[in-house]
Protein backbone atom coordinates (compact mmCIF):
# COMPACT_ATOMS: atom_id res chain seq x y z
CA MET A 1 0.00 0.00 0.00
CA SER A 2 1.19 3.51 -0.69
CA ASN A 3 2.07 5.61 2.26
CA PRO A 4 -0.56 8.31 2.95
CA GLN A 5 2.15 10.73 3.95
CA ILE A 6 3.55 10.53 0.44
CA CYS A 7 0.34 10.57 -1.58
CA ALA A 8 -1.68 13.07 0.38
CA ASN A 9 -1.05 16.75 -0.19
CA PRO A 10 -0.97 18.89 2.94
CA LYS A 11 -3.72 21.47 3.09
CA LYS A 12 -2.52 24.75 1.60
CA SER A 13 -3.59 28.29 2.44
CA PRO A 14 -5.06 30.60 -0.23
CA TRP A 15 -1.76 32.51 -0.29
CA ASP A 16 0.16 29.28 -0.94
CA ASN A 17 -2.13 28.48 -3.86
CA PHE A 18 -1.80 32.04 -5.18
CA LYS A 19 1.99 31.79 -5.12
CA GLN A 20 1.95 28.36 -6.73
CA TRP A 21 -0.42 29.24 -9.57
CA ILE A 22 0.23 32.97 -10.14
CA VAL A 23 3.30 34.46 -8.46
CA ILE A 24 5.96 31.83 -9.27
CA PRO A 25 4.79 31.23 -12.87
CA GLY A 26 4.51 35.01 -13.31
CA ILE A 27 8.11 35.52 -12.20
CA GLY A 28 9.19 32.70 -14.48
CA GLY A 29 7.27 34.15 -17.42
CA LEU A 30 8.74 37.62 -16.89
CA THR A 31 12.23 36.12 -16.71
CA ILE A 32 11.73 34.37 -20.03
CA ALA A 33 10.31 37.54 -21.56
CA PHE A 34 13.32 39.59 -20.37
CA VAL A 35 15.72 37.03 -21.86
CA GLU A 36 13.79 37.13 -25.13
CA TYR A 37 13.79 40.97 -25.03
CA PHE A 38 17.57 41.15 -24.83
CA LEU A 39 17.99 38.52 -27.57
CA ARG A 40 15.59 40.24 -30.00
CA ASP A 41 16.24 43.71 -31.39
CA ASN A 42 12.68 44.51 -32.53
CA MET A 43 10.73 43.41 -29.44
CA HIS A 44 8.35 46.14 -28.19
CA GLY A 45 6.19 46.46 -25.12
CA GLN A 46 3.17 44.59 -26.42
CA THR A 47 5.27 41.68 -27.62
CA PHE A 48 7.07 41.62 -24.26
CA PHE A 49 3.73 41.44 -22.44
CA GLN A 50 2.44 38.70 -24.74
CA SER A 51 5.64 36.65 -24.28
CA ALA A 52 5.43 36.98 -20.51
CA LEU A 53 1.72 36.00 -20.56
CA ILE A 54 2.10 32.87 -22.70
CA SER A 55 5.22 31.72 -20.81
CA SER A 56 3.55 32.23 -17.42
CA THR A 57 0.42 30.43 -18.58
CA PHE A 58 2.36 27.43 -19.86
CA TRP A 59 4.43 27.34 -16.68
CA SER A 60 1.40 27.48 -14.39
CA VAL A 61 -0.84 25.08 -16.28
CA LEU A 62 1.78 22.48 -17.15
CA ALA A 63 3.72 22.46 -13.88
CA ASN A 64 0.74 22.54 -11.52
CA GLY A 65 -1.56 20.46 -13.71
CA ASN A 66 1.03 17.75 -14.11
CA GLY A 67 1.67 17.91 -10.38
CA ILE A 68 -1.99 17.27 -9.62
CA LEU A 69 -2.04 14.45 -12.16
CA VAL A 70 1.04 12.83 -10.62
CA ASP A 71 -0.56 12.96 -7.15
CA TRP A 72 -3.71 11.34 -8.52
CA ILE A 73 -1.72 8.60 -10.24
CA ASP A 74 0.36 7.96 -7.09
CA LYS A 75 -2.82 7.19 -5.15
CA ARG A 76 -3.76 4.42 -7.57
CA TRP A 77 -0.48 2.95 -8.81
CA THR A 78 2.54 2.93 -6.53
CA TRP A 79 6.18 2.60 -7.54
CA LEU A 80 6.69 -0.28 -5.10
CA GLU A 81 3.66 -2.41 -5.94
CA SER A 82 3.03 -1.57 -9.62
CA PRO A 83 6.19 0.00 -11.09
CA VAL A 84 5.46 -0.96 -14.73
CA GLN A 85 1.88 0.31 -14.61
CA ARG A 86 3.09 3.41 -12.81
CA VAL A 87 5.53 4.25 -15.62
CA ILE A 88 3.05 3.53 -18.41
CA VAL A 89 0.16 5.44 -16.83
CA GLY A 90 2.42 8.26 -15.64
CA VAL A 91 4.16 8.93 -18.96
CA SER A 92 1.05 8.50 -21.14
CA GLY A 93 -1.08 10.55 -18.77
CA LEU A 94 1.37 13.46 -18.61
CA LEU A 95 1.92 13.48 -22.37
CA ALA A 96 -1.83 13.38 -23.06
CA TYR A 97 -2.48 16.17 -20.56
CA THR A 98 0.34 18.28 -21.99
CA VAL A 99 -0.87 17.97 -25.57
CA VAL A 100 -4.49 18.80 -24.71
CA ALA A 101 -3.61 21.64 -22.31
CA SER A 102 -1.05 23.11 -24.72
CA LEU A 103 -3.47 23.08 -27.66
CA ILE A 104 -6.11 24.83 -25.52
CA ILE A 105 -3.60 27.49 -24.36
CA LEU A 106 -2.29 28.03 -27.91
CA TYR A 107 -5.81 28.27 -29.29
CA ALA A 108 -6.79 30.92 -26.73
CA TYR A 109 -3.54 32.82 -27.21
CA ILE A 110 -3.60 32.80 -31.04
CA GLU A 111 -7.33 33.44 -31.43
CA TRP A 112 -7.98 35.87 -28.57
CA VAL A 113 -4.67 37.60 -27.89
CA LEU A 114 -3.00 37.68 -31.31
CA GLY A 115 -6.21 37.70 -33.33
CA TYR A 116 -5.08 35.08 -35.86
CA SER A 117 -6.69 31.90 -37.05
CA PHE A 118 -5.52 29.05 -34.87
CA PHE A 119 -5.84 26.41 -37.57
CA LYS A 120 -3.99 28.49 -40.19
CA VAL A 121 -1.13 29.13 -37.78
CA MET A 122 -0.93 25.46 -36.85
CA GLU A 123 -0.97 24.51 -40.53
CA SER A 124 1.80 26.93 -41.44
CA GLN A 125 4.01 26.31 -38.39
CA GLY A 126 3.31 22.62 -37.89
CA VAL A 127 1.74 20.98 -34.85
CA MET A 128 4.96 19.40 -33.59
CA THR A 129 6.83 22.66 -33.90
CA MET A 130 4.21 24.45 -31.83
CA LEU A 131 4.16 21.67 -29.23
CA SER A 132 7.91 21.04 -29.04
CA ILE A 133 8.52 23.55 -26.21
CA PRO A 134 5.53 22.43 -24.08
CA LEU A 135 6.51 18.78 -24.53
CA GLY A 136 10.10 19.57 -23.62
CA ILE A 137 8.89 21.33 -20.47
CA THR A 138 6.70 18.33 -19.63
CA VAL A 139 9.54 15.84 -20.03
CA PHE A 140 11.63 17.92 -17.63
CA ILE A 141 8.75 18.21 -15.15
CA ALA A 142 7.97 14.48 -15.46
CA LEU A 143 11.55 13.51 -14.69
CA LEU A 144 11.55 15.70 -11.59
CA GLN A 145 8.13 14.70 -10.28
CA HIS A 146 8.37 10.99 -11.10
CA GLY A 147 11.89 10.82 -9.72
CA GLN A 148 10.82 12.58 -6.55
CA GLY A 149 7.82 10.29 -6.13
CA PHE A 150 9.92 7.16 -6.64
CA LEU A 151 12.62 8.28 -4.21
CA LEU A 152 10.07 9.27 -1.56
CA GLU A 153 8.27 5.93 -1.77
CA TRP A 154 11.54 4.00 -1.77
CA ARG A 155 12.78 5.97 1.24
CA GLN A 156 9.50 5.46 3.12
CA ALA A 157 9.51 1.75 2.30
CA ALA A 158 13.06 1.43 3.63
CA ILE A 159 12.03 3.25 6.82
CA ASP A 160 8.95 1.04 7.23
CA VAL A 161 10.98 -2.15 6.71
CA GLU A 162 13.57 -1.07 9.27
CA ARG A 163 10.88 -0.02 11.75
CA LEU A 164 9.06 -3.33 11.30
CA LYS A 165 12.33 -5.20 11.72
CA ASN A 166 13.13 -3.34 14.96
CA GLU A 167 9.61 -3.84 16.31
CA ASN A 168 9.74 -7.54 15.44
CA LEU A 169 13.11 -7.96 17.17
CA LYS A 170 11.86 -6.05 20.19
CA SER A 171 8.74 -8.22 20.37
CA LYS A 172 10.80 -11.41 20.14
CA PHE A 173 13.20 -10.21 22.81
CA GLU A 174 10.35 -9.28 25.16
CA THR A 175 8.88 -12.74 24.63
CA LEU A 176 12.20 -14.33 25.49
CA LYS A 177 12.52 -12.25 28.65
CA THR A 178 9.03 -13.19 29.82
CA GLN A 179 10.02 -16.86 29.57
CA VAL A 180 12.75 -16.42 32.20
CA ASN A 181 10.62 -15.71 35.26
CA PRO A 182 8.13 -18.60 34.96
CA HIS A 183 10.97 -20.89 33.90
CA PHE A 184 13.04 -20.03 36.97
CA LEU A 185 10.11 -20.21 39.40
CA PHE A 186 8.80 -23.48 37.95
CA ASN A 187 12.11 -25.28 38.41
CA SER A 188 12.74 -23.79 41.86
CA LEU A 189 9.34 -24.98 43.07
CA ASN A 190 10.09 -28.43 41.73
CA ALA A 191 13.29 -28.47 43.76
CA LEU A 192 11.41 -27.29 46.83
CA THR A 193 8.81 -30.03 46.39
CA SER A 194 11.50 -32.69 46.56
CA LEU A 195 13.17 -31.04 49.55
CA VAL A 196 10.00 -30.72 51.66
CA TYR A 197 9.68 -34.50 51.94
CA ALA A 198 13.41 -35.05 52.50
CA ASP A 199 14.29 -32.38 55.09
CA GLN A 200 11.74 -29.81 56.33
CA GLY A 201 14.40 -27.74 58.11
CA LYS A 202 16.38 -27.34 54.92
CA ALA A 203 13.12 -26.64 53.10
CA VAL A 204 12.49 -23.61 55.35
CA GLU A 205 16.02 -22.32 54.75
CA PHE A 206 15.54 -22.99 51.04
CA ILE A 207 12.37 -20.86 50.98
CA GLN A 208 14.15 -17.96 52.70
CA LYS A 209 17.03 -18.04 50.23
CA LEU A 210 14.64 -18.53 47.35
CA SER A 211 12.83 -15.31 48.19
CA GLN A 212 16.15 -13.43 48.04
CA VAL A 213 17.13 -15.05 44.77
CA TYR A 214 13.75 -14.47 43.16
CA ARG A 215 13.98 -10.80 44.13
CA TYR A 216 16.94 -10.57 41.78
CA VAL A 217 14.88 -12.01 38.96
CA LEU A 218 12.08 -9.51 39.59
CA ASP A 219 14.46 -6.55 39.89
CA HIS A 220 16.14 -7.29 36.56
CA GLN A 221 13.27 -8.75 34.55
CA ASN A 222 13.15 -5.69 32.27
CA ASP A 223 16.91 -5.37 31.83
CA GLU A 224 18.55 -6.53 28.62
CA VAL A 225 21.91 -6.94 30.37
CA VAL A 226 23.26 -6.67 33.92
CA PRO A 227 26.80 -6.19 35.25
CA LEU A 228 28.68 -9.48 35.25
CA GLN A 229 29.57 -8.97 38.93
CA THR A 230 25.85 -8.72 39.80
CA GLU A 231 25.03 -11.87 37.84
CA VAL A 232 27.83 -13.83 39.51
CA ASP A 233 26.68 -12.75 42.99
CA PHE A 234 23.20 -13.95 42.10
CA LEU A 235 24.60 -17.21 40.73
CA LYS A 236 26.40 -17.94 43.99
CA SER A 237 23.14 -17.51 45.90
CA PHE A 238 21.40 -19.88 43.52
CA VAL A 239 24.20 -22.41 43.84
CA TYR A 240 23.85 -22.20 47.62
CA LEU A 241 20.19 -23.19 47.30
CA ASN A 242 21.13 -26.29 45.37
CA THR A 243 23.90 -27.12 47.79
CA ILE A 244 21.19 -27.27 50.47
CA ARG A 245 19.21 -29.58 48.23
CA PHE A 246 21.95 -31.95 47.04
CA GLY A 247 24.63 -31.63 49.73
CA ASP A 248 28.07 -32.98 48.86
CA ASN A 249 26.77 -34.57 45.70
CA PHE A 250 26.70 -31.17 44.00
CA GLU A 251 29.72 -28.90 43.61
CA VAL A 252 30.43 -25.71 41.68
CA LEU A 253 34.00 -24.45 41.32
CA TYR A 254 34.74 -20.84 40.33
CA LYS A 255 37.85 -19.85 38.39
CA ASN A 256 38.89 -16.23 37.80
CA MET A 257 35.40 -15.14 38.87
CA ASP A 258 36.47 -12.44 41.30
CA ASP A 259 37.98 -9.83 38.96
CA PHE A 260 35.48 -7.92 36.84
CA ASP A 261 35.58 -4.83 34.68
CA ALA A 262 32.78 -2.35 35.45
CA ASN A 263 31.63 -2.43 31.81
CA GLN A 264 31.42 -6.21 31.55
CA SER A 265 27.83 -7.42 31.33
CA ILE A 266 25.69 -10.43 30.52
CA PRO A 267 21.98 -11.08 29.92
CA PRO A 268 20.30 -11.56 33.32
CA VAL A 269 19.89 -15.10 34.69
CA THR A 270 22.16 -16.52 31.95
CA LEU A 271 24.61 -18.28 34.29
CA GLN A 272 21.83 -19.46 36.57
CA MET A 273 20.01 -21.05 33.64
CA LEU A 274 23.19 -22.83 32.57
CA ILE A 275 23.68 -24.28 36.05
CA GLU A 276 20.02 -25.22 36.13
CA ASN A 277 20.47 -26.91 32.77
CA CYS A 278 23.27 -29.03 34.23
CA ILE A 279 21.06 -30.07 37.15
CA LYS A 280 18.10 -31.01 34.95
CA HIS A 281 20.02 -33.17 32.53
CA ASN A 282 22.27 -35.10 34.91
CA GLU A 283 21.85 -37.58 37.70
CA ILE A 284 23.04 -36.27 41.08
CA SER A 285 23.71 -38.89 43.73
CA LYS A 286 26.46 -40.27 45.97
CA LEU A 287 27.52 -42.56 43.16
CA LYS A 288 27.27 -39.91 40.49
CA GLN A 289 28.31 -36.51 41.74
CA LEU A 290 27.81 -33.45 39.55
CA LYS A 291 30.79 -31.14 39.32
CA ILE A 292 30.48 -27.82 37.49
CA ILE A 293 33.26 -25.38 36.66
CA VAL A 294 32.39 -21.71 36.03
CA GLU A 295 35.42 -19.97 34.56
CA LYS A 296 36.05 -16.48 33.22
CA LYS A 297 38.56 -16.60 30.42
CA GLY A 298 39.21 -13.41 28.44
CA ASN A 299 35.88 -12.04 27.22
CA GLU A 300 33.99 -15.27 27.79
CA VAL A 301 32.46 -17.23 30.64
CA ILE A 302 32.71 -21.01 30.37
CA VAL A 303 30.33 -23.33 32.18
CA GLU A 304 31.48 -26.96 32.02
CA ASN A 305 30.15 -30.06 33.74
CA ASN A 306 30.73 -33.79 33.78
CA ILE A 307 27.97 -35.86 32.24
CA ASN A 308 25.97 -38.28 34.39
CA PRO A 309 23.36 -39.53 31.90
CA ILE A 310 19.82 -39.51 33.17
CA ASN A 311 16.81 -41.36 31.82
CA GLN A 312 15.23 -38.99 29.29
CA ALA A 313 11.75 -39.97 30.42
CA LYS A 314 12.53 -38.71 33.93
CA GLN A 315 13.75 -35.31 32.82
CA ASP A 316 11.48 -32.47 33.89
CA SER A 317 12.48 -29.89 31.31
CA SER A 318 10.61 -27.35 29.21
CA GLY A 319 13.58 -27.02 26.86
CA LEU A 320 13.70 -23.26 27.30
CA GLY A 321 17.01 -22.82 29.11
CA LEU A 322 19.80 -23.08 26.55
CA SER A 323 17.68 -22.09 23.55
CA ASN A 324 16.52 -18.99 25.43
CA ILE A 325 20.11 -17.93 26.11
CA ILE A 326 21.16 -18.50 22.50
CA SER A 327 18.18 -16.52 21.19
CA ARG A 328 18.76 -13.60 23.57
CA TYR A 329 22.39 -13.35 22.48
CA GLU A 330 21.27 -13.33 18.84
CA MET A 331 19.09 -10.32 19.65
CA LEU A 332 21.76 -8.46 21.58
CA SER A 333 25.02 -9.12 19.78
CA ASP A 334 26.79 -10.61 16.80
CA GLN A 335 28.76 -12.78 19.24
CA LYS A 336 27.55 -16.36 19.38
CA VAL A 337 27.01 -18.78 22.23
CA GLU A 338 29.16 -21.88 21.70
CA VAL A 339 28.09 -25.35 22.81
CA ILE A 340 30.63 -28.19 22.96
CA ALA A 341 29.54 -31.70 23.89
CA SER A 342 31.67 -34.82 24.31
CA ASP A 343 31.01 -38.27 25.75
CA ASP A 344 31.83 -37.25 29.32
CA HIS A 345 31.69 -33.42 29.42
CA PHE A 346 29.34 -30.67 28.34
CA LYS A 347 30.58 -27.10 27.87
CA VAL A 348 28.79 -23.83 27.10
CA ILE A 349 30.78 -20.69 26.28
CA VAL A 350 28.91 -17.38 26.56
CA PRO A 351 30.44 -14.05 25.44
CA ILE A 352 30.84 -11.21 27.90
CA LEU A 353 29.12 -8.10 26.56
CA SER A 354 29.95 -4.46 27.17
CA LEU A 355 27.60 -2.10 28.97
CA THR A 356 28.89 0.80 26.84
CA SER A 357 28.19 -0.89 23.48
């Protein structure tokens, strides 16, 4: 569809219309008459007036009339949707209008101003000779107006595409962020359910810590990124909750995770979701302990764990964790999340982003 801002003419005041139809063409006609006066030795006042009148009339009728015609055509055939029809209708319409309007102007000028027979003059001078200047003017006007219309529609289309792209990305990112809260709460409540039957005292402590951890999720639910230091502090609280749940069967080791640049950032809950992913997909018991290493290396954070295969049917997973992280990084940066899996280890490498970028 054509953009209404392009096709619709803004409402003009009477003075604007007067300038467009009378003042500007009048100045143009007088300019042409002055040029003709200096080029011709025998040009007198009446001839000067007649030259200015016919030039102004052609200027006003052809320029403004073709402008109105172009606006009308733009409303029905757009450059983006019907470029071929737009060219055919535009060129044929402007040429037809120019020929008819020019013949009417010439007839009035020759018959009423000069007092000659229009048909005799046309016969002696030739129709194409008489119409050559008006047609030349129309070609020039058509190039300007059609070119302007095409460029405006192309520019507006580019703006609309970019705006739609940004809105679509924003909508996708908001959807991804809304997945985090229910995802985190759902899995935490599952952990609590298991703990209530095993150790009620630890369950109470778990609930207290859970409220502190979930506060972090609520505080940063609308943030695209958070400082890496803040995320790591939150991660350690989350790990503590699972230490209560699993005891010595669960261990997280931190390497180089105590030296952070103020500008280093990461999407919120990223590290927590990776740890949670390890817990969901591995058996944790006295016979099969889960050991996770969280290491900062350069501009990346690496989360690596040993693999204790668990029966797929017993996994309680919505599948949102890792895919959510990968998708959020695709929205935020050109840097990619890397996943490396072997027979006995699983590693996820997430880039560290910059708060200033």
